[in-house]
Amino acid sequence: MTTTAPHGYMADKDALLKRLRRAEGQVRGVARMVDEDAYCIDILTQVSAATKALETVALQLLEDHLAHCVAEAAETGGPVAQQKLSEASAAIARLVRS
């Protein structure tokens, strides 16, 4: 669900974008390594680093969502609170499965 209210990650936006740019560079590096026929283990090491960078972003976004969006909805109560809790639960489940 998208809203017009400020998102919980706004205070961390610059740090998140920096991490995403780093992950983007790592993924480009992986593609370059494959193109250059690099050693499999070296490629896997870089894939692991890129995955970790994206996981860090995901966890920060989840933390910000819980602290801002879910907490605010819980204070308000009602169906919006239940919806935000359901969204957070589904997001956690997706992260755990990935």
PDB file of N, CA and C in Angstrom:
ATOM      1  N   MET A   1       0.842  -1.180   0.000  1.00  0.00           N
ATOM      2  CA  MET A   1       0.000   0.000   0.000  1.00  0.00           C
ATOM      3  C   MET A   1       0.885   1.241   0.000  1.00  0.00           C
ATOM      4  N   THR A   2       0.554   2.226  -0.788  1.00  0.00           N
ATOM      5  CA  THR A   2       1.296   3.478  -0.805  1.00  0.00           C
ATOM      6  C   THR A   2       0.423   4.562  -0.210  1.00  0.00           C
ATOM      7  N   THR A   3       1.069   5.502   0.436  1.00  0.00           N
ATOM      8  CA  THR A   3       0.358   6.613   1.052  1.00  0.00           C
ATOM      9  C   THR A   3       1.044   7.906   0.651  1.00  0.00           C
ATOM     10  N   THR A   4       0.388   9.015   0.935  1.00  0.00           N
ATOM     11  CA  THR A   4       0.987  10.304   0.628  1.00  0.00           C
ATOM     12  C   THR A   4       1.747  10.859   1.826  1.00  0.00           C
ATOM     13  N   ALA A   5       1.620  10.225   2.983  1.00  0.00           N
ATOM     14  CA  ALA A   5       2.339  10.665   4.179  1.00  0.00           C
ATOM     15  C   ALA A   5       3.827  10.387   4.014  1.00  0.00           C
ATOM     16  N   PRO A   6       4.674  11.138   4.740  1.00  0.00           N
ATOM     17  CA  PRO A   6       6.117  10.880   4.662  1.00  0.00           C
ATOM     18  C   PRO A   6       6.428   9.442   5.092  1.00  0.00           C
ATOM     19  N   HIS A   7       7.370   8.848   4.435  1.00  0.00           N
ATOM     20  CA  HIS A   7       7.738   7.475   4.741  1.00  0.00           C
ATOM     21  C   HIS A   7       8.711   7.443   5.914  1.00  0.00           C
ATOM     22  N   GLY A   8       8.718   6.334   6.626  1.00  0.00           N
ATOM     23  CA  GLY A   8       9.572   6.192   7.796  1.00  0.00           C
ATOM     24  C   GLY A   8      11.054   6.248   7.489  1.00  0.00           C
ATOM     25  N   TYR A   9      11.433   5.937   6.263  1.00  0.00           N
ATOM     26  CA  TYR A   9      12.850   5.898   5.915  1.00  0.00           C
ATOM     27  C   TYR A   9      13.427   7.268   5.552  1.00  0.00           C
ATOM     28  N   MET A  10      12.602   8.297   5.535  1.00  0.00           N
ATOM     29  CA  MET A  10      13.063   9.605   5.056  1.00  0.00           C
ATOM     30  C   MET A  10      14.306  10.107   5.793  1.00  0.00           C
ATOM     31  N   ALA A  11      14.398   9.855   7.097  1.00  0.00           N
ATOM     32  CA  ALA A  11      15.560  10.315   7.860  1.00  0.00           C
ATOM     33  C   ALA A  11      16.829   9.566   7.441  1.00  0.00           C
ATOM     34  N   ASP A  12      16.677   8.368   6.914  1.00  0.00           N
ATOM     35  CA  ASP A  12      17.814   7.539   6.512  1.00  0.00           C
ATOM     36  C   ASP A  12      17.989   7.470   5.005  1.00  0.00           C
ATOM     37  N   LYS A  13      17.283   8.297   4.275  1.00  0.00           N
ATOM     38  CA  LYS A  13      17.256   8.199   2.818  1.00  0.00           C
ATOM     39  C   LYS A  13      18.650   8.280   2.195  1.00  0.00           C
ATOM     40  N   ASP A  14      19.465   9.224   2.617  1.00  0.00           N
ATOM     41  CA  ASP A  14      20.802   9.365   2.028  1.00  0.00           C
ATOM     42  C   ASP A  14      21.656   8.124   2.273  1.00  0.00           C
ATOM     43  N   ALA A  15      21.603   7.583   3.480  1.00  0.00           N
ATOM     44  CA  ALA A  15      22.374   6.375   3.798  1.00  0.00           C
ATOM     45  C   ALA A  15      21.863   5.186   2.997  1.00  0.00           C
ATOM     46  N   LEU A  16      20.542   5.081   2.853  1.00  0.00           N
ATOM     47  CA  LEU A  16      19.971   3.984   2.061  1.00  0.00           C
ATOM     48  C   LEU A  16      20.403   4.085   0.598  1.00  0.00           C
ATOM     49  N   LEU A  17      20.338   5.284   0.048  1.00  0.00           N
ATOM     50  CA  LEU A  17      20.754   5.467  -1.346  1.00  0.00           C
ATOM     51  C   LEU A  17      22.236   5.148  -1.533  1.00  0.00           C
ATOM     52  N   LYS A  18      23.052   5.505  -0.560  1.00  0.00           N
ATOM     53  CA  LYS A  18      24.484   5.196  -0.632  1.00  0.00           C
ATOM     54  C   LYS A  18      24.692   3.679  -0.649  1.00  0.00           C
ATOM     55  N   ARG A  19      23.970   2.964   0.220  1.00  0.00           N
ATOM     56  CA  ARG A  19      24.080   1.504   0.259  1.00  0.00           C
ATOM     57  C   ARG A  19      23.594   0.874  -1.049  1.00  0.00           C
ATOM     58  N   LEU A  20      22.508   1.424  -1.594  1.00  0.00           N
ATOM     59  CA  LEU A  20      21.972   0.902  -2.852  1.00  0.00           C
ATOM     60  C   LEU A  20      22.941   1.132  -4.008  1.00  0.00           C
ATOM     61  N   ARG A  21      23.584   2.278  -4.026  1.00  0.00           N
ATOM     62  CA  ARG A  21      24.579   2.541  -5.074  1.00  0.00           C
ATOM     63  C   ARG A  21      25.753   1.575  -4.951  1.00  0.00           C
ATOM     64  N   ARG A  22      26.141   1.281  -3.705  1.00  0.00           N
ATOM     65  CA  ARG A  22      27.224   0.326  -3.493  1.00  0.00           C
ATOM     66  C   ARG A  22      26.814  -1.059  -4.003  1.00  0.00           C
ATOM     67  N   ALA A  23      25.594  -1.471  -3.669  1.00  0.00           N
ATOM     68  CA  ALA A  23      25.102  -2.775  -4.127  1.00  0.00           C
ATOM     69  C   ALA A  23      25.015  -2.814  -5.651  1.00  0.00           C
ATOM     70  N   GLU A  24      24.576  -1.715  -6.242  1.00  0.00           N
ATOM     71  CA  GLU A  24      24.494  -1.633  -7.696  1.00  0.00           C
ATOM     72  C   GLU A  24      25.878  -1.824  -8.320  1.00  0.00           C
ATOM     73  N   GLY A  25      26.875  -1.193  -7.739  1.00  0.00           N
ATOM     74  CA  GLY A  25      28.244  -1.353  -8.226  1.00  0.00           C
ATOM     75  C   GLY A  25      28.735  -2.781  -8.076  1.00  0.00           C
ATOM     76  N   GLN A  26      28.351  -3.414  -6.955  1.00  0.00           N
ATOM     77  CA  GLN A  26      28.752  -4.810  -6.751  1.00  0.00           C
ATOM     78  C   GLN A  26      28.118  -5.722  -7.800  1.00  0.00           C
ATOM     79  N   VAL A  27      26.855  -5.481  -8.112  1.00  0.00           N
ATOM     80  CA  VAL A  27      26.178  -6.308  -9.119  1.00  0.00           C
ATOM     81  C   VAL A  27      26.816  -6.090 -10.497  1.00  0.00           C
ATOM     82  N   ARG A  28      27.129  -4.853 -10.822  1.00  0.00           N
ATOM     83  CA  ARG A  28      27.832  -4.602 -12.087  1.00  0.00           C
ATOM     84  C   ARG A  28      29.175  -5.321 -12.108  1.00  0.00           C
ATOM     85  N   GLY A  29      29.850  -5.338 -10.956  1.00  0.00           N
ATOM     86  CA  GLY A  29      31.125  -6.039 -10.845  1.00  0.00           C
ATOM     87  C   GLY A  29      30.971  -7.537 -11.055  1.00  0.00           C
ATOM     88  N   VAL A  30      29.897  -8.102 -10.534  1.00  0.00           N
ATOM     89  CA  VAL A  30      29.628  -9.529 -10.734  1.00  0.00           C
ATOM     90  C   VAL A  30      29.431  -9.813 -12.222  1.00  0.00           C
ATOM     91  N   ALA A  31      28.643  -8.982 -12.882  1.00  0.00           N
ATOM     92  CA  ALA A  31      28.414  -9.176 -14.318  1.00  0.00           C
ATOM     93  C   ALA A  31      29.729  -9.089 -15.084  1.00  0.00           C
ATOM     94  N   ARG A  32      30.564  -8.147 -14.710  1.00  0.00           N
ATOM     95  CA  ARG A  32      31.862  -7.995 -15.371  1.00  0.00           C
ATOM     96  C   ARG A  32      32.726  -9.238 -15.140  1.00  0.00           C
ATOM     97  N   MET A  33      32.691  -9.769 -13.908  1.00  0.00           N
ATOM     98  CA  MET A  33      33.465 -10.967 -13.597  1.00  0.00           C
ATOM     99  C   MET A  33      33.006 -12.160 -14.443  1.00  0.00           C
ATOM    100  N   VAL A  34      31.697 -12.307 -14.597  1.00  0.00           N
ATOM    101  CA  VAL A  34      31.172 -13.394 -15.428  1.00  0.00           C
ATOM    102  C   VAL A  34      31.619 -13.188 -16.871  1.00  0.00           C
ATOM    103  N   ASP A  35      31.500 -11.952 -17.347  1.00  0.00           N
ATOM    104  CA  ASP A  35      31.896 -11.641 -18.718  1.00  0.00           C
ATOM    105  C   ASP A  35      33.372 -11.944 -18.948  1.00  0.00           C
ATOM    106  N   GLU A  36      34.188 -11.726 -17.921  1.00  0.00           N
ATOM    107  CA  GLU A  36      35.635 -11.937 -18.039  1.00  0.00           C
ATOM    108  C   GLU A  36      36.054 -13.347 -17.621  1.00  0.00           C
ATOM    109  N   ASP A  37      35.073 -14.235 -17.403  1.00  0.00           N
ATOM    110  CA  ASP A  37      35.350 -15.630 -17.053  1.00  0.00           C
ATOM    111  C   ASP A  37      36.152 -15.773 -15.766  1.00  0.00           C
ATOM    112  N   ALA A  38      35.783 -15.014 -14.758  1.00  0.00           N
ATOM    113  CA  ALA A  38      36.465 -15.088 -13.460  1.00  0.00           C
ATOM    114  C   ALA A  38      36.184 -16.426 -12.781  1.00  0.00           C
ATOM    115  N   TYR A  39      36.983 -16.736 -11.798  1.00  0.00           N
ATOM    116  CA  TYR A  39      36.865 -17.965 -11.025  1.00  0.00           C
ATOM    117  C   TYR A  39      35.526 -17.984 -10.279  1.00  0.00           C
ATOM    118  N   CYS A  40      34.849 -19.131 -10.315  1.00  0.00           N
ATOM    119  CA  CYS A  40      33.501 -19.274  -9.740  1.00  0.00           C
ATOM    120  C   CYS A  40      33.420 -18.800  -8.288  1.00  0.00           C
ATOM    121  N   ILE A  41      34.372 -19.210  -7.480  1.00  0.00           N
ATOM    122  CA  ILE A  41      34.333 -18.862  -6.058  1.00  0.00           C
ATOM    123  C   ILE A  41      34.466 -17.351  -5.869  1.00  0.00           C
ATOM    124  N   ASP A  42      35.268 -16.716  -6.678  1.00  0.00           N
ATOM    125  CA  ASP A  42      35.407 -15.258  -6.594  1.00  0.00           C
ATOM    126  C   ASP A  42      34.087 -14.571  -6.946  1.00  0.00           C
ATOM    127  N   ILE A  43      33.402 -15.094  -7.951  1.00  0.00           N
ATOM    128  CA  ILE A  43      32.099 -14.533  -8.329  1.00  0.00           C
ATOM    129  C   ILE A  43      31.096 -14.738  -7.203  1.00  0.00           C
ATOM    130  N   LEU A  44      31.072 -15.946  -6.647  1.00  0.00           N
ATOM    131  CA  LEU A  44      30.142 -16.233  -5.549  1.00  0.00           C
ATOM    132  C   LEU A  44      30.409 -15.337  -4.343  1.00  0.00           C
ATOM    133  N   THR A  45      31.652 -15.038  -4.087  1.00  0.00           N
ATOM    134  CA  THR A  45      31.997 -14.129  -2.979  1.00  0.00           C
ATOM    135  C   THR A  45      31.391 -12.750  -3.223  1.00  0.00           C
ATOM    136  N   GLN A  46      31.463 -12.276  -4.451  1.00  0.00           N
ATOM    137  CA  GLN A  46      30.898 -10.967  -4.778  1.00  0.00           C
ATOM    138  C   GLN A  46      29.368 -10.990  -4.756  1.00  0.00           C
ATOM    139  N   VAL A  47      28.773 -12.097  -5.194  1.00  0.00           N
ATOM    140  CA  VAL A  47      27.312 -12.229  -5.112  1.00  0.00           C
ATOM    141  C   VAL A  47      26.879 -12.167  -3.657  1.00  0.00           C
ATOM    142  N   SER A  48      27.623 -12.825  -2.796  1.00  0.00           N
ATOM    143  CA  SER A  48      27.320 -12.805  -1.365  1.00  0.00           C
ATOM    144  C   SER A  48      27.399 -11.383  -0.804  1.00  0.00           C
ATOM    145  N   ALA A  49      28.397 -10.640  -1.215  1.00  0.00           N
ATOM    146  CA  ALA A  49      28.552  -9.255  -0.750  1.00  0.00           C
ATOM    147  C   ALA A  49      27.394  -8.387  -1.223  1.00  0.00           C
ATOM    148  N   ALA A  50      26.978  -8.554  -2.466  1.00  0.00           N
ATOM    149  CA  ALA A  50      25.854  -7.780  -2.996  1.00  0.00           C
ATOM    150  C   ALA A  50      24.559  -8.157  -2.289  1.00  0.00           C
ATOM    151  N   THR A  51      24.382  -9.439  -2.037  1.00  0.00           N
ATOM    152  CA  THR A  51      23.194  -9.908  -1.328  1.00  0.00           C
ATOM    153  C   THR A  51      23.148  -9.316   0.073  1.00  0.00           C
ATOM    154  N   LYS A  52      24.267  -9.314   0.757  1.00  0.00           N
ATOM    155  CA  LYS A  52      24.348  -8.756   2.110  1.00  0.00           C
ATOM    156  C   LYS A  52      24.021  -7.264   2.091  1.00  0.00           C
ATOM    157  N   ALA A  53      24.506  -6.552   1.095  1.00  0.00           N
ATOM    158  CA  ALA A  53      24.226  -5.118   0.994  1.00  0.00           C
ATOM    159  C   ALA A  53      22.729  -4.873   0.833  1.00  0.00           C
ATOM    160  N   LEU A  54      22.067  -5.673  -0.001  1.00  0.00           N
ATOM    161  CA  LEU A  54      20.620  -5.522  -0.187  1.00  0.00           C
ATOM    162  C   LEU A  54      19.847  -5.942   1.053  1.00  0.00           C
ATOM    163  N   GLU A  55      20.320  -6.973   1.741  1.00  0.00           N
ATOM    164  CA  GLU A  55      19.673  -7.385   2.992  1.00  0.00           C
ATOM    165  C   GLU A  55      19.757  -6.279   4.029  1.00  0.00           C
ATOM    166  N   THR A  56      20.884  -5.596   4.088  1.00  0.00           N
ATOM    167  CA  THR A  56      21.053  -4.481   5.026  1.00  0.00           C
ATOM    168  C   THR A  56      20.051  -3.376   4.724  1.00  0.00           C
ATOM    169  N   VAL A  57      19.869  -3.062   3.458  1.00  0.00           N
ATOM    170  CA  VAL A  57      18.877  -2.059   3.062  1.00  0.00           C
ATOM    171  C   VAL A  57      17.478  -2.518   3.463  1.00  0.00           C
ATOM    172  N   ALA A  58      17.161  -3.763   3.180  1.00  0.00           N
ATOM    173  CA  ALA A  58      15.839  -4.297   3.498  1.00  0.00           C
ATOM    174  C   ALA A  58      15.568  -4.234   5.000  1.00  0.00           C
ATOM    175  N   LEU A  59      16.545  -4.607   5.804  1.00  0.00           N
ATOM    176  CA  LEU A  59      16.349  -4.580   7.256  1.00  0.00           C
ATOM    177  C   LEU A  59      16.187  -3.155   7.775  1.00  0.00           C
ATOM    178  N   GLN A  60      16.929  -2.214   7.201  1.00  0.00           N
ATOM    179  CA  GLN A  60      16.779  -0.819   7.611  1.00  0.00           C
ATOM    180  C   GLN A  60      15.393  -0.296   7.241  1.00  0.00           C
ATOM    181  N   LEU A  61      14.943  -0.614   6.039  1.00  0.00           N
ATOM    182  CA  LEU A  61      13.602  -0.197   5.621  1.00  0.00           C
ATOM    183  C   LEU A  61      12.531  -0.815   6.517  1.00  0.00           C
ATOM    184  N   LEU A  62      12.700  -2.076   6.863  1.00  0.00           N
ATOM    185  CA  LEU A  62      11.738  -2.742   7.738  1.00  0.00           C
ATOM    186  C   LEU A  62      11.734  -2.099   9.120  1.00  0.00           C
ATOM    187  N   GLU A  63      12.908  -1.832   9.654  1.00  0.00           N
ATOM    188  CA  GLU A  63      13.002  -1.177  10.963  1.00  0.00           C
ATOM    189  C   GLU A  63      12.319   0.187  10.936  1.00  0.00           C
ATOM    190  N   ASP A  64      12.585   0.960   9.900  1.00  0.00           N
ATOM    191  CA  ASP A  64      11.958   2.283   9.777  1.00  0.00           C
ATOM    192  C   ASP A  64      10.445   2.165   9.617  1.00  0.00           C
ATOM    193  N   HIS A  65       9.992   1.168   8.865  1.00  0.00           N
ATOM    194  CA  HIS A  65       8.558   0.963   8.666  1.00  0.00           C
ATOM    195  C   HIS A  65       7.875   0.626   9.987  1.00  0.00           C
ATOM    196  N   LEU A  66       8.486  -0.251  10.747  1.00  0.00           N
ATOM    197  CA  LEU A  66       7.906  -0.623  12.048  1.00  0.00           C
ATOM    198  C   LEU A  66       7.892   0.561  13.007  1.00  0.00           C
ATOM    199  N   ALA A  67       8.986   1.291  13.060  1.00  0.00           N
ATOM    200  CA  ALA A  67       9.102   2.406  14.001  1.00  0.00           C
ATOM    201  C   ALA A  67       8.226   3.591  13.621  1.00  0.00           C
ATOM    202  N   HIS A  68       7.947   3.751  12.344  1.00  0.00           N
ATOM    203  CA  HIS A  68       7.202   4.919  11.900  1.00  0.00           C
ATOM    204  C   HIS A  68       5.773   4.545  11.491  1.00  0.00           C
ATOM    205  N   CYS A  69       5.640   3.834  10.417  1.00  0.00           N
ATOM    206  CA  CYS A  69       4.329   3.555   9.827  1.00  0.00           C
ATOM    207  C   CYS A  69       3.464   2.665  10.718  1.00  0.00           C
ATOM    208  N   VAL A  70       4.050   1.552  11.186  1.00  0.00           N
ATOM    209  CA  VAL A  70       3.273   0.614  12.001  1.00  0.00           C
ATOM    210  C   VAL A  70       2.975   1.222  13.370  1.00  0.00           C
ATOM    211  N   ALA A  71       3.961   1.859  13.975  1.00  0.00           N
ATOM    212  CA  ALA A  71       3.740   2.468  15.291  1.00  0.00           C
ATOM    213  C   ALA A  71       2.671   3.550  15.225  1.00  0.00           C
ATOM    214  N   GLU A  72       2.721   4.365  14.179  1.00  0.00           N
ATOM    215  CA  GLU A  72       1.716   5.427  14.013  1.00  0.00           C
ATOM    216  C   GLU A  72       0.324   4.830  13.815  1.00  0.00           C
ATOM    217  N   ALA A  73       0.225   3.786  13.010  1.00  0.00           N
ATOM    218  CA  ALA A  73      -1.058   3.138  12.767  1.00  0.00           C
ATOM    219  C   ALA A  73      -1.573   2.466  14.036  1.00  0.00           C
ATOM    220  N   ALA A  74      -0.662   1.887  14.821  1.00  0.00           N
ATOM    221  CA  ALA A  74      -1.075   1.238  16.069  1.00  0.00           C
ATOM    222  C   ALA A  74      -1.653   2.249  17.045  1.00  0.00           C
ATOM    223  N   GLU A  75      -1.102   3.442  17.074  1.00  0.00           N
ATOM    224  CA  GLU A  75      -1.637   4.499  17.943  1.00  0.00           C
ATOM    225  C   GLU A  75      -3.047   4.882  17.516  1.00  0.00           C
ATOM    226  N   THR A  76      -3.281   4.904  16.210  1.00  0.00           N
ATOM    227  CA  THR A  76      -4.587   5.260  15.675  1.00  0.00           C
ATOM    228  C   THR A  76      -5.585   4.126  15.875  1.00  0.00           C
ATOM    229  N   GLY A  77      -5.115   2.902  15.686  1.00  0.00           N
ATOM    230  CA  GLY A  77      -5.969   1.729  15.847  1.00  0.00           C
ATOM    231  C   GLY A  77      -6.845   1.498  14.632  1.00  0.00           C
ATOM    232  N   GLY A  78      -7.787   0.578  14.777  1.00  0.00           N
ATOM    233  CA  GLY A  78      -8.743   0.291  13.716  1.00  0.00           C
ATOM    234  C   GLY A  78      -8.174  -0.532  12.595  1.00  0.00           C
ATOM    235  N   PRO A  79      -8.878  -0.532  11.457  1.00  0.00           N
ATOM    236  CA  PRO A  79      -8.473  -1.372  10.328  1.00  0.00           C
ATOM    237  C   PRO A  79      -7.124  -0.974   9.726  1.00  0.00           C
ATOM    238  N   VAL A  80      -6.760   0.291   9.815  1.00  0.00           N
ATOM    239  CA  VAL A  80      -5.460   0.718   9.275  1.00  0.00           C
ATOM    240  C   VAL A  80      -4.334   0.060  10.063  1.00  0.00           C
ATOM    241  N   ALA A  81      -4.493  -0.018  11.375  1.00  0.00           N
ATOM    242  CA  ALA A  81      -3.474  -0.658  12.204  1.00  0.00           C
ATOM    243  C   ALA A  81      -3.318  -2.122  11.821  1.00  0.00           C
ATOM    244  N   GLN A  82      -4.435  -2.801  11.659  1.00  0.00           N
ATOM    245  CA  GLN A  82      -4.375  -4.220  11.272  1.00  0.00           C
ATOM    246  C   GLN A  82      -3.734  -4.388   9.904  1.00  0.00           C
ATOM    247  N   GLN A  83      -4.041  -3.492   8.980  1.00  0.00           N
ATOM    248  CA  GLN A  83      -3.457  -3.559   7.644  1.00  0.00           C
ATOM    249  C   GLN A  83      -1.945  -3.366   7.697  1.00  0.00           C
ATOM    250  N   LYS A  84      -1.477  -2.386   8.469  1.00  0.00           N
ATOM    251  CA  LYS A  84      -0.032  -2.138   8.580  1.00  0.00           C
ATOM    252  C   LYS A  84       0.681  -3.320   9.224  1.00  0.00           C
ATOM    253  N   LEU A  85       0.064  -3.929  10.229  1.00  0.00           N
ATOM    254  CA  LEU A  85       0.656  -5.103  10.856  1.00  0.00           C
ATOM    255  C   LEU A  85       0.729  -6.270   9.867  1.00  0.00           C
ATOM    256  N   SER A  86      -0.328  -6.447   9.080  1.00  0.00           N
ATOM    257  CA  SER A  86      -0.342  -7.513   8.077  1.00  0.00           C
ATOM    258  C   SER A  86       0.728  -7.274   7.022  1.00  0.00           C
ATOM    259  N   GLU A  87       0.873  -6.038   6.578  1.00  0.00           N
ATOM    260  CA  GLU A  87       1.907  -5.701   5.596  1.00  0.00           C
ATOM    261  C   GLU A  87       3.299  -6.001   6.154  1.00  0.00           C
ATOM    262  N   ALA A  88       3.532  -5.595   7.397  1.00  0.00           N
ATOM    263  CA  ALA A  88       4.837  -5.825   8.022  1.00  0.00           C
ATOM    264  C   ALA A  88       5.105  -7.319   8.161  1.00  0.00           C
ATOM    265  N   SER A  89       4.106  -8.064   8.573  1.00  0.00           N
ATOM    266  CA  SER A  89       4.255  -9.509   8.720  1.00  0.00           C
ATOM    267  C   SER A  89       4.584 -10.162   7.381  1.00  0.00           C
ATOM    268  N   ALA A  90       3.913  -9.752   6.331  1.00  0.00           N
ATOM    269  CA  ALA A  90       4.174 -10.300   4.994  1.00  0.00           C
ATOM    270  C   ALA A  90       5.582  -9.932   4.519  1.00  0.00           C
ATOM    271  N   ALA A  91       6.015  -8.713   4.814  1.00  0.00           N
ATOM    272  CA  ALA A  91       7.361  -8.281   4.416  1.00  0.00           C
ATOM    273  C   ALA A  91       8.422  -9.097   5.154  1.00  0.00           C
ATOM    274  N   ILE A  92       8.201  -9.345   6.429  1.00  0.00           N
ATOM    275  CA  ILE A  92       9.152 -10.152   7.203  1.00  0.00           C
ATOM    276  C   ILE A  92       9.201 -11.565   6.629  1.00  0.00           C
ATOM    277  N   ALA A  93       8.048 -12.115   6.314  1.00  0.00           N
ATOM    278  CA  ALA A  93       8.003 -13.466   5.736  1.00  0.00           C
ATOM    279  C   ALA A  93       8.767 -13.515   4.415  1.00  0.00           C
ATOM    280  N   ARG A  94       8.632 -12.502   3.575  1.00  0.00           N
ATOM    281  CA  ARG A  94       9.358 -12.475   2.300  1.00  0.00           C
ATOM    282  C   ARG A  94      10.869 -12.419   2.541  1.00  0.00           C
ATOM    283  N   LEU A  95      11.289 -11.622   3.522  1.00  0.00           N
ATOM    284  CA  LEU A  95      12.721 -11.512   3.813  1.00  0.00           C
ATOM    285  C   LEU A  95      13.276 -12.829   4.339  1.00  0.00           C
ATOM    286  N   VAL A  96      12.511 -13.502   5.164  1.00  0.00           N
ATOM    287  CA  VAL A  96      12.970 -14.761   5.738  1.00  0.00           C
ATOM    288  C   VAL A  96      13.087 -15.830   4.654  1.00  0.00           C
ATOM    289  N   ARG A  97      12.155 -15.827   3.713  1.00  0.00           N
ATOM    290  CA  ARG A  97      12.169 -16.829   2.640  1.00  0.00           C
ATOM    291  C   ARG A  97      13.264 -16.563   1.615  1.00  0.00           C
ATOM    292  N   SER A  98      13.701 -15.333   1.499  1.00  0.00           N
ATOM    293  CA  SER A  98      14.683 -15.025   0.447  1.00  0.00           C
ATOM    294  C   SER A  98      16.083 -15.422   0.822  1.00  0.00           C
TER     295      SER A  98
END
